[in-house]
mmCIF file of all heavy atoms, coordinates in Angstrom:
data_MODEL
# 
_entry.id   MODEL 
# 
loop_
_atom_site.group_PDB 
_atom_site.id 
_atom_site.type_symbol 
_atom_site.label_atom_id 
_atom_site.label_alt_id 
_atom_site.label_comp_id 
_atom_site.label_asym_id 
_atom_site.label_entity_id 
_atom_site.label_seq_id 
_atom_site.pdbx_PDB_ins_code 
_atom_site.Cartn_x 
_atom_site.Cartn_y 
_atom_site.Cartn_z 
_atom_site.occupancy 
_atom_site.B_iso_or_equiv 
_atom_site.pdbx_formal_charge 
_atom_site.auth_seq_id 
_atom_site.auth_comp_id 
_atom_site.auth_asym_id 
_atom_site.auth_atom_id 
_atom_site.pdbx_PDB_model_num 
ATOM 1   N N   . ARG A 1 1  ? 4.343  -13.010 8.620   1.00 0.00 ? 1  ARG A N   1 
ATOM 2   C CA  . ARG A 1 1  ? 3.219  -12.051 8.333   1.00 0.00 ? 1  ARG A CA  1 
ATOM 3   C C   . ARG A 1 1  ? 3.594  -11.375 7.004   1.00 0.00 ? 1  ARG A C   1 
ATOM 4   O O   . ARG A 1 1  ? 4.801  -11.421 6.519   1.00 0.00 ? 1  ARG A O   1 
ATOM 5   C CB  . ARG A 1 1  ? 3.185  -10.955 9.477   1.00 0.00 ? 1  ARG A CB  1 
ATOM 6   C CG  . ARG A 1 1  ? 2.816  -11.512 10.760  1.00 0.00 ? 1  ARG A CG  1 
ATOM 7   C CD  . ARG A 1 1  ? 2.905  -10.547 11.880  1.00 0.00 ? 1  ARG A CD  1 
ATOM 8   N NE  . ARG A 1 1  ? 2.388  -10.924 13.143  1.00 0.00 ? 1  ARG A NE  1 
ATOM 9   C CZ  . ARG A 1 1  ? 2.024  -10.264 14.100  1.00 0.00 ? 1  ARG A CZ  1 
ATOM 10  N NH1 . ARG A 1 1  ? 2.231  -8.937  14.095  1.00 0.00 ? 1  ARG A NH1 1 
ATOM 11  N NH2 . ARG A 1 1  ? 1.628  -10.711 15.333  1.00 0.00 ? 1  ARG A NH2 1 
ATOM 12  N N   . SER A 1 2  ? 2.581  -10.788 6.363   1.00 0.00 ? 2  SER A N   1 
ATOM 13  C CA  . SER A 1 2  ? 2.710  -10.020 5.147   1.00 0.00 ? 2  SER A CA  1 
ATOM 14  C C   . SER A 1 2  ? 3.136  -8.625  5.490   1.00 0.00 ? 2  SER A C   1 
ATOM 15  O O   . SER A 1 2  ? 2.421  -7.798  6.062   1.00 0.00 ? 2  SER A O   1 
ATOM 16  C CB  . SER A 1 2  ? 1.458  -9.889  4.375   1.00 0.00 ? 2  SER A CB  1 
ATOM 17  O OG  . SER A 1 2  ? 1.494  -8.922  3.288   1.00 0.00 ? 2  SER A OG  1 
ATOM 18  N N   . GLU A 1 3  ? 4.433  -8.374  5.311   1.00 0.00 ? 3  GLU A N   1 
ATOM 19  C CA  . GLU A 1 3  ? 4.966  -6.946  5.542   1.00 0.00 ? 3  GLU A CA  1 
ATOM 20  C C   . GLU A 1 3  ? 4.327  -5.900  4.739   1.00 0.00 ? 3  GLU A C   1 
ATOM 21  O O   . GLU A 1 3  ? 4.204  -4.811  5.220   1.00 0.00 ? 3  GLU A O   1 
ATOM 22  C CB  . GLU A 1 3  ? 6.551  -6.995  5.330   1.00 0.00 ? 3  GLU A CB  1 
ATOM 23  C CG  . GLU A 1 3  ? 7.288  -7.966  6.221   1.00 0.00 ? 3  GLU A CG  1 
ATOM 24  C CD  . GLU A 1 3  ? 7.142  -7.638  7.655   1.00 0.00 ? 3  GLU A CD  1 
ATOM 25  O OE1 . GLU A 1 3  ? 7.054  -6.342  7.975   1.00 0.00 ? 3  GLU A OE1 1 
ATOM 26  O OE2 . GLU A 1 3  ? 7.130  -8.546  8.523   1.00 0.00 ? 3  GLU A OE2 1 
ATOM 27  N N   . HIS A 1 4  ? 3.917  -6.072  3.466   1.00 0.00 ? 4  HIS A N   1 
ATOM 28  C CA  . HIS A 1 4  ? 3.301  -5.126  2.620   1.00 0.00 ? 4  HIS A CA  1 
ATOM 29  C C   . HIS A 1 4  ? 1.980  -4.843  3.307   1.00 0.00 ? 4  HIS A C   1 
ATOM 30  O O   . HIS A 1 4  ? 1.588  -3.621  3.396   1.00 0.00 ? 4  HIS A O   1 
ATOM 31  C CB  . HIS A 1 4  ? 3.196  -5.768  1.261   1.00 0.00 ? 4  HIS A CB  1 
ATOM 32  C CG  . HIS A 1 4  ? 2.490  -4.707  0.367   1.00 0.00 ? 4  HIS A CG  1 
ATOM 33  N ND1 . HIS A 1 4  ? 3.341  -3.806  -0.471  1.00 0.00 ? 4  HIS A ND1 1 
ATOM 34  C CD2 . HIS A 1 4  ? 1.379  -4.401  0.007   1.00 0.00 ? 4  HIS A CD2 1 
ATOM 35  C CE1 . HIS A 1 4  ? 2.623  -3.005  -1.144  1.00 0.00 ? 4  HIS A CE1 1 
ATOM 36  N NE2 . HIS A 1 4  ? 1.348  -3.418  -0.986  1.00 0.00 ? 4  HIS A NE2 1 
ATOM 37  N N   . ASN A 1 5  ? 1.090  -5.887  3.605   1.00 0.00 ? 5  ASN A N   1 
ATOM 38  C CA  . ASN A 1 5  ? -0.224 -5.535  4.048   1.00 0.00 ? 5  ASN A CA  1 
ATOM 39  C C   . ASN A 1 5  ? -0.141 -4.912  5.574   1.00 0.00 ? 5  ASN A C   1 
ATOM 40  O O   . ASN A 1 5  ? -0.917 -4.136  5.918   1.00 0.00 ? 5  ASN A O   1 
ATOM 41  C CB  . ASN A 1 5  ? -0.925 -6.908  4.181   1.00 0.00 ? 5  ASN A CB  1 
ATOM 42  C CG  . ASN A 1 5  ? -1.512 -7.215  2.791   1.00 0.00 ? 5  ASN A CG  1 
ATOM 43  O OD1 . ASN A 1 5  ? -1.441 -6.446  1.931   1.00 0.00 ? 5  ASN A OD1 1 
ATOM 44  N ND2 . ASN A 1 5  ? -1.872 -8.569  2.662   1.00 0.00 ? 5  ASN A ND2 1 
ATOM 45  N N   . LEU A 1 6  ? 0.905  -5.327  6.295   1.00 0.00 ? 6  LEU A N   1 
ATOM 46  C CA  . LEU A 1 6  ? 1.127  -4.617  7.648   1.00 0.00 ? 6  LEU A CA  1 
ATOM 47  C C   . LEU A 1 6  ? 1.370  -3.147  7.393   1.00 0.00 ? 6  LEU A C   1 
ATOM 48  O O   . LEU A 1 6  ? 0.826  -2.362  8.191   1.00 0.00 ? 6  LEU A O   1 
ATOM 49  C CB  . LEU A 1 6  ? 2.269  -5.322  8.353   1.00 0.00 ? 6  LEU A CB  1 
ATOM 50  C CG  . LEU A 1 6  ? 2.006  -6.430  9.165   1.00 0.00 ? 6  LEU A CG  1 
ATOM 51  C CD1 . LEU A 1 6  ? 3.276  -7.060  9.739   1.00 0.00 ? 6  LEU A CD1 1 
ATOM 52  C CD2 . LEU A 1 6  ? 1.038  -6.163  10.344  1.00 0.00 ? 6  LEU A CD2 1 
ATOM 53  N N   . ASN A 1 7  ? 2.055  -2.790  6.322   1.00 0.00 ? 7  ASN A N   1 
ATOM 54  C CA  . ASN A 1 7  ? 2.301  -1.367  6.190   1.00 0.00 ? 7  ASN A CA  1 
ATOM 55  C C   . ASN A 1 7  ? 0.879  -0.536  5.837   1.00 0.00 ? 7  ASN A C   1 
ATOM 56  O O   . ASN A 1 7  ? 0.670  0.501   6.258   1.00 0.00 ? 7  ASN A O   1 
ATOM 57  C CB  . ASN A 1 7  ? 3.281  -1.081  5.017   1.00 0.00 ? 7  ASN A CB  1 
ATOM 58  C CG  . ASN A 1 7  ? 3.727  0.303   4.822   1.00 0.00 ? 7  ASN A CG  1 
ATOM 59  O OD1 . ASN A 1 7  ? 3.982  1.001   5.973   1.00 0.00 ? 7  ASN A OD1 1 
ATOM 60  N ND2 . ASN A 1 7  ? 3.825  0.817   3.675   1.00 0.00 ? 7  ASN A ND2 1 
ATOM 61  N N   . TYR A 1 8  ? 0.046  -1.267  5.079   1.00 0.00 ? 8  TYR A N   1 
ATOM 62  C CA  . TYR A 1 8  ? -1.231 -0.691  4.902   1.00 0.00 ? 8  TYR A CA  1 
ATOM 63  C C   . TYR A 1 8  ? -2.091 -0.618  6.212   1.00 0.00 ? 8  TYR A C   1 
ATOM 64  O O   . TYR A 1 8  ? -2.618 0.515   6.435   1.00 0.00 ? 8  TYR A O   1 
ATOM 65  C CB  . TYR A 1 8  ? -2.106 -1.714  3.932   1.00 0.00 ? 8  TYR A CB  1 
ATOM 66  C CG  . TYR A 1 8  ? -1.787 -1.679  2.503   1.00 0.00 ? 8  TYR A CG  1 
ATOM 67  C CD1 . TYR A 1 8  ? -2.140 -2.834  1.705   1.00 0.00 ? 8  TYR A CD1 1 
ATOM 68  C CD2 . TYR A 1 8  ? -1.261 -0.715  1.908   1.00 0.00 ? 8  TYR A CD2 1 
ATOM 69  C CE1 . TYR A 1 8  ? -1.862 -2.892  0.448   1.00 0.00 ? 8  TYR A CE1 1 
ATOM 70  C CE2 . TYR A 1 8  ? -0.912 -0.778  0.622   1.00 0.00 ? 8  TYR A CE2 1 
ATOM 71  C CZ  . TYR A 1 8  ? -1.224 -1.840  -0.181  1.00 0.00 ? 8  TYR A CZ  1 
ATOM 72  O OH  . TYR A 1 8  ? -0.946 -1.894  -1.445  1.00 0.00 ? 8  TYR A OH  1 
ATOM 73  N N   . TRP A 1 9  ? -1.989 -1.682  6.894   1.00 0.00 ? 9  TRP A N   1 
ATOM 74  C CA  . TRP A 1 9  ? -2.895 -1.666  8.224   1.00 0.00 ? 9  TRP A CA  1 
ATOM 75  C C   . TRP A 1 9  ? -2.329 -0.690  9.253   1.00 0.00 ? 9  TRP A C   1 
ATOM 76  O O   . TRP A 1 9  ? -3.037 -0.219  10.170  1.00 0.00 ? 9  TRP A O   1 
ATOM 77  C CB  . TRP A 1 9  ? -2.879 -3.031  8.787   1.00 0.00 ? 9  TRP A CB  1 
ATOM 78  C CG  . TRP A 1 9  ? -3.706 -3.952  7.820   1.00 0.00 ? 9  TRP A CG  1 
ATOM 79  C CD1 . TRP A 1 9  ? -4.812 -3.638  7.056   1.00 0.00 ? 9  TRP A CD1 1 
ATOM 80  C CD2 . TRP A 1 9  ? -3.403 -5.299  7.516   1.00 0.00 ? 9  TRP A CD2 1 
ATOM 81  N NE1 . TRP A 1 9  ? -5.155 -4.781  6.340   1.00 0.00 ? 9  TRP A NE1 1 
ATOM 82  C CE2 . TRP A 1 9  ? -4.388 -5.749  6.614   1.00 0.00 ? 9  TRP A CE2 1 
ATOM 83  C CE3 . TRP A 1 9  ? -2.362 -6.127  7.990   1.00 0.00 ? 9  TRP A CE3 1 
ATOM 84  C CZ2 . TRP A 1 9  ? -4.322 -7.036  6.112   1.00 0.00 ? 9  TRP A CZ2 1 
ATOM 85  C CZ3 . TRP A 1 9  ? -2.399 -7.461  7.472   1.00 0.00 ? 9  TRP A CZ3 1 
ATOM 86  C CH2 . TRP A 1 9  ? -3.450 -7.870  6.472   1.00 0.00 ? 9  TRP A CH2 1 
ATOM 87  N N   . GLN A 1 10 ? -0.965 -0.394  9.159   1.00 0.00 ? 10 GLN A N   1 
ATOM 88  C CA  . GLN A 1 10 ? -0.443 0.639   10.110  1.00 0.00 ? 10 GLN A CA  1 
ATOM 89  C C   . GLN A 1 10 ? -0.354 1.931   9.620   1.00 0.00 ? 10 GLN A C   1 
ATOM 90  O O   . GLN A 1 10 ? 0.402  2.861   10.034  1.00 0.00 ? 10 GLN A O   1 
ATOM 91  C CB  . GLN A 1 10 ? 1.008  0.139   10.543  1.00 0.00 ? 10 GLN A CB  1 
ATOM 92  C CG  . GLN A 1 10 ? 0.952  -1.175  11.423  1.00 0.00 ? 10 GLN A CG  1 
ATOM 93  C CD  . GLN A 1 10 ? 2.310  -1.732  11.726  1.00 0.00 ? 10 GLN A CD  1 
ATOM 94  O OE1 . GLN A 1 10 ? 3.314  -1.486  11.058  1.00 0.00 ? 10 GLN A OE1 1 
ATOM 95  N NE2 . GLN A 1 10 ? 2.420  -2.608  12.643  1.00 0.00 ? 10 GLN A NE2 1 
ATOM 96  N N   . PHE A 1 11 ? -1.152 2.267   8.526   1.00 0.00 ? 11 PHE A N   1 
ATOM 97  C CA  . PHE A 1 11 ? -1.266 3.606   7.871   1.00 0.00 ? 11 PHE A CA  1 
ATOM 98  C C   . PHE A 1 11 ? 0.069  4.063   7.370   1.00 0.00 ? 11 PHE A C   1 
ATOM 99  O O   . PHE A 1 11 ? 0.356  5.231   7.433   1.00 0.00 ? 11 PHE A O   1 
ATOM 100 C CB  . PHE A 1 11 ? -1.757 4.494   8.950   1.00 0.00 ? 11 PHE A CB  1 
ATOM 101 C CG  . PHE A 1 11 ? -2.558 5.720   8.291   1.00 0.00 ? 11 PHE A CG  1 
ATOM 102 C CD1 . PHE A 1 11 ? -3.587 5.441   7.550   1.00 0.00 ? 11 PHE A CD1 1 
ATOM 103 C CD2 . PHE A 1 11 ? -2.209 7.018   8.503   1.00 0.00 ? 11 PHE A CD2 1 
ATOM 104 C CE1 . PHE A 1 11 ? -4.359 6.595   7.019   1.00 0.00 ? 11 PHE A CE1 1 
ATOM 105 C CE2 . PHE A 1 11 ? -2.935 8.074   7.978   1.00 0.00 ? 11 PHE A CE2 1 
ATOM 106 C CZ  . PHE A 1 11 ? -3.987 7.806   7.175   1.00 0.00 ? 11 PHE A CZ  1 
ATOM 107 N N   . GLY A 1 12 ? 0.872  3.203   6.753   1.00 0.00 ? 12 GLY A N   1 
ATOM 108 C CA  . GLY A 1 12 ? 2.052  3.542   6.056   1.00 0.00 ? 12 GLY A CA  1 
ATOM 109 C C   . GLY A 1 12 ? 1.674  4.187   4.746   1.00 0.00 ? 12 GLY A C   1 
ATOM 110 O O   . GLY A 1 12 ? 0.495  4.298   4.260   1.00 0.00 ? 12 GLY A O   1 
ATOM 111 N N   . ASP A 1 13 ? 2.708  4.645   3.941   1.00 0.00 ? 13 ASP A N   1 
ATOM 112 C CA  . ASP A 1 13 ? 2.503  5.186   2.736   1.00 0.00 ? 13 ASP A CA  1 
ATOM 113 C C   . ASP A 1 13 ? 2.852  4.177   1.506   1.00 0.00 ? 13 ASP A C   1 
ATOM 114 O O   . ASP A 1 13 ? 3.517  3.162   1.786   1.00 0.00 ? 13 ASP A O   1 
ATOM 115 C CB  . ASP A 1 13 ? 3.530  6.412   2.489   1.00 0.00 ? 13 ASP A CB  1 
ATOM 116 C CG  . ASP A 1 13 ? 2.988  7.630   3.179   1.00 0.00 ? 13 ASP A CG  1 
ATOM 117 O OD1 . ASP A 1 13 ? 1.937  7.693   3.726   1.00 0.00 ? 13 ASP A OD1 1 
ATOM 118 O OD2 . ASP A 1 13 ? 3.860  8.626   3.217   1.00 0.00 ? 13 ASP A OD2 1 
ATOM 119 N N   . TYR A 1 14 ? 2.268  4.437   0.397   1.00 0.00 ? 14 TYR A N   1 
ATOM 120 C CA  . TYR A 1 14 ? 2.527  3.530   -0.773  1.00 0.00 ? 14 TYR A CA  1 
ATOM 121 C C   . TYR A 1 14 ? 2.262  4.285   -2.068  1.00 0.00 ? 14 TYR A C   1 
ATOM 122 O O   . TYR A 1 14 ? 1.290  5.102   -2.128  1.00 0.00 ? 14 TYR A O   1 
ATOM 123 C CB  . TYR A 1 14 ? 1.581  2.314   -0.732  1.00 0.00 ? 14 TYR A CB  1 
ATOM 124 C CG  . TYR A 1 14 ? 0.145  2.502   -0.453  1.00 0.00 ? 14 TYR A CG  1 
ATOM 125 C CD1 . TYR A 1 14 ? -0.797 2.506   -1.431  1.00 0.00 ? 14 TYR A CD1 1 
ATOM 126 C CD2 . TYR A 1 14 ? -0.283 2.666   0.907   1.00 0.00 ? 14 TYR A CD2 1 
ATOM 127 C CE1 . TYR A 1 14 ? -2.151 2.808   -1.171  1.00 0.00 ? 14 TYR A CE1 1 
ATOM 128 C CE2 . TYR A 1 14 ? -1.653 2.883   1.193   1.00 0.00 ? 14 TYR A CE2 1 
ATOM 129 C CZ  . TYR A 1 14 ? -2.508 3.029   0.074   1.00 0.00 ? 14 TYR A CZ  1 
ATOM 130 O OH  . TYR A 1 14 ? -3.888 3.185   0.381   1.00 0.00 ? 14 TYR A OH  1 
ATOM 131 N N   . LEU A 1 15 ? 3.125  3.959   -2.991  1.00 0.00 ? 15 LEU A N   1 
ATOM 132 C CA  . LEU A 1 15 ? 2.834  4.426   -4.377  1.00 0.00 ? 15 LEU A CA  1 
ATOM 133 C C   . LEU A 1 15 ? 2.096  3.405   -5.040  1.00 0.00 ? 15 LEU A C   1 
ATOM 134 O O   . LEU A 1 15 ? 2.178  2.168   -4.775  1.00 0.00 ? 15 LEU A O   1 
ATOM 135 C CB  . LEU A 1 15 ? 4.280  4.545   -5.102  1.00 0.00 ? 15 LEU A CB  1 
ATOM 136 C CG  . LEU A 1 15 ? 5.237  5.471   -4.583  1.00 0.00 ? 15 LEU A CG  1 
ATOM 137 C CD1 . LEU A 1 15 ? 6.623  5.436   -5.252  1.00 0.00 ? 15 LEU A CD1 1 
ATOM 138 C CD2 . LEU A 1 15 ? 4.766  6.954   -4.740  1.00 0.00 ? 15 LEU A CD2 1 
ATOM 139 N N   . GLY A 1 16 ? 1.281  3.892   -5.875  1.00 0.00 ? 16 GLY A N   1 
ATOM 140 C CA  . GLY A 1 16 ? 0.318  2.965   -6.790  1.00 0.00 ? 16 GLY A CA  1 
ATOM 141 C C   . GLY A 1 16 ? 0.558  3.244   -8.147  1.00 0.00 ? 16 GLY A C   1 
ATOM 142 O O   . GLY A 1 16 ? 0.364  4.314   -8.716  1.00 0.00 ? 16 GLY A O   1 
ATOM 143 N N   . ILE A 1 17 ? 1.033  2.201   -8.975  1.00 0.00 ? 17 ILE A N   1 
ATOM 144 C CA  . ILE A 1 17 ? 1.212  2.305   -10.401 1.00 0.00 ? 17 ILE A CA  1 
ATOM 145 C C   . ILE A 1 17 ? 0.491  1.334   -11.051 1.00 0.00 ? 17 ILE A C   1 
ATOM 146 O O   . ILE A 1 17 ? 0.226  0.215   -10.636 1.00 0.00 ? 17 ILE A O   1 
ATOM 147 C CB  . ILE A 1 17 ? 2.662  2.338   -10.854 1.00 0.00 ? 17 ILE A CB  1 
ATOM 148 C CG1 . ILE A 1 17 ? 3.257  0.965   -10.452 1.00 0.00 ? 17 ILE A CG1 1 
ATOM 149 C CG2 . ILE A 1 17 ? 3.457  3.467   -10.248 1.00 0.00 ? 17 ILE A CG2 1 
ATOM 150 C CD1 . ILE A 1 17 ? 4.749  0.721   -11.058 1.00 0.00 ? 17 ILE A CD1 1 
ATOM 151 N N   . GLY A 1 18 ? -0.131 1.615   -12.340 1.00 0.00 ? 18 GLY A N   1 
ATOM 152 C CA  . GLY A 1 18 ? -0.842 0.722   -13.163 1.00 0.00 ? 18 GLY A CA  1 
ATOM 153 C C   . GLY A 1 18 ? -2.379 1.196   -13.246 1.00 0.00 ? 18 GLY A C   1 
ATOM 154 O O   . GLY A 1 18 ? -2.679 2.077   -12.350 1.00 0.00 ? 18 GLY A O   1 
ATOM 155 N N   . ALA A 1 19 ? -3.041 0.587   -14.178 1.00 0.00 ? 19 ALA A N   1 
ATOM 156 C CA  . ALA A 1 19 ? -4.522 1.004   -14.204 1.00 0.00 ? 19 ALA A CA  1 
ATOM 157 C C   . ALA A 1 19 ? -5.299 0.732   -13.139 1.00 0.00 ? 19 ALA A C   1 
ATOM 158 O O   . ALA A 1 19 ? -5.398 -0.381  -12.640 1.00 0.00 ? 19 ALA A O   1 
ATOM 159 C CB  . ALA A 1 19 ? -5.029 0.250   -15.575 1.00 0.00 ? 19 ALA A CB  1 
ATOM 160 N N   . GLY A 1 20 ? -5.909 1.909   -12.599 1.00 0.00 ? 20 GLY A N   1 
ATOM 161 C CA  . GLY A 1 20 ? -6.756 1.810   -11.341 1.00 0.00 ? 20 GLY A CA  1 
ATOM 162 C C   . GLY A 1 20 ? -5.900 1.703   -10.021 1.00 0.00 ? 20 GLY A C   1 
ATOM 163 O O   . GLY A 1 20 ? -6.720 1.499   -8.896  1.00 0.00 ? 20 GLY A O   1 
ATOM 164 N N   . ALA A 1 21 ? -4.577 1.833   -10.054 1.00 0.00 ? 21 ALA A N   1 
ATOM 165 C CA  . ALA A 1 21 ? -3.897 1.684   -8.811  1.00 0.00 ? 21 ALA A CA  1 
ATOM 166 C C   . ALA A 1 21 ? -4.035 2.914   -7.948  1.00 0.00 ? 21 ALA A C   1 
ATOM 167 O O   . ALA A 1 21 ? -4.123 3.931   -8.488  1.00 0.00 ? 21 ALA A O   1 
ATOM 168 C CB  . ALA A 1 21 ? -2.467 1.445   -9.176  1.00 0.00 ? 21 ALA A CB  1 
ATOM 169 N N   . HIS A 1 22 ? -4.079 2.538   -6.700  1.00 0.00 ? 22 HIS A N   1 
ATOM 170 C CA  . HIS A 1 22 ? -4.209 3.848   -5.666  1.00 0.00 ? 22 HIS A CA  1 
ATOM 171 C C   . HIS A 1 22 ? -2.944 3.896   -4.924  1.00 0.00 ? 22 HIS A C   1 
ATOM 172 O O   . HIS A 1 22 ? -2.255 3.039   -4.657  1.00 0.00 ? 22 HIS A O   1 
ATOM 173 C CB  . HIS A 1 22 ? -5.320 3.495   -4.660  1.00 0.00 ? 22 HIS A CB  1 
ATOM 174 C CG  . HIS A 1 22 ? -6.765 3.792   -5.320  1.00 0.00 ? 22 HIS A CG  1 
ATOM 175 N ND1 . HIS A 1 22 ? -7.624 4.709   -4.787  1.00 0.00 ? 22 HIS A ND1 1 
ATOM 176 C CD2 . HIS A 1 22 ? -7.419 3.102   -6.358  1.00 0.00 ? 22 HIS A CD2 1 
ATOM 177 C CE1 . HIS A 1 22 ? -8.732 4.651   -5.615  1.00 0.00 ? 22 HIS A CE1 1 
ATOM 178 N NE2 . HIS A 1 22 ? -8.528 3.694   -6.545  1.00 0.00 ? 22 HIS A NE2 1 
ATOM 179 N N   . GLY A 1 23 ? -2.654 5.124   -4.480  1.00 0.00 ? 23 GLY A N   1 
ATOM 180 C CA  . GLY A 1 23 ? -1.526 5.422   -3.556  1.00 0.00 ? 23 GLY A CA  1 
ATOM 181 C C   . GLY A 1 23 ? -1.882 6.305   -2.524  1.00 0.00 ? 23 GLY A C   1 
ATOM 182 O O   . GLY A 1 23 ? -2.906 6.969   -2.507  1.00 0.00 ? 23 GLY A O   1 
ATOM 183 N N   . LYS A 1 24 ? -1.055 6.366   -1.484  1.00 0.00 ? 24 LYS A N   1 
ATOM 184 C CA  . LYS A 1 24 ? -1.260 7.329   -0.345  1.00 0.00 ? 24 LYS A CA  1 
ATOM 185 C C   . LYS A 1 24 ? 0.189  7.814   -0.026  1.00 0.00 ? 24 LYS A C   1 
ATOM 186 O O   . LYS A 1 24 ? 1.103  7.090   0.334   1.00 0.00 ? 24 LYS A O   1 
ATOM 187 C CB  . LYS A 1 24 ? -1.893 6.617   0.852   1.00 0.00 ? 24 LYS A CB  1 
ATOM 188 C CG  . LYS A 1 24 ? -1.742 7.494   2.132   1.00 0.00 ? 24 LYS A CG  1 
ATOM 189 C CD  . LYS A 1 24 ? -2.152 6.446   3.314   1.00 0.00 ? 24 LYS A CD  1 
ATOM 190 C CE  . LYS A 1 24 ? -1.845 7.184   4.584   1.00 0.00 ? 24 LYS A CE  1 
ATOM 191 N NZ  . LYS A 1 24 ? -0.359 6.997   5.005   1.00 0.00 ? 24 LYS A NZ  1 
# 
């Protein structure tokens, strides 16, 4: 499984860097 996407789907946090990147 994609561990990164699982973190999104389980409402984990993420930093977003780069043009147009989103973070939570």
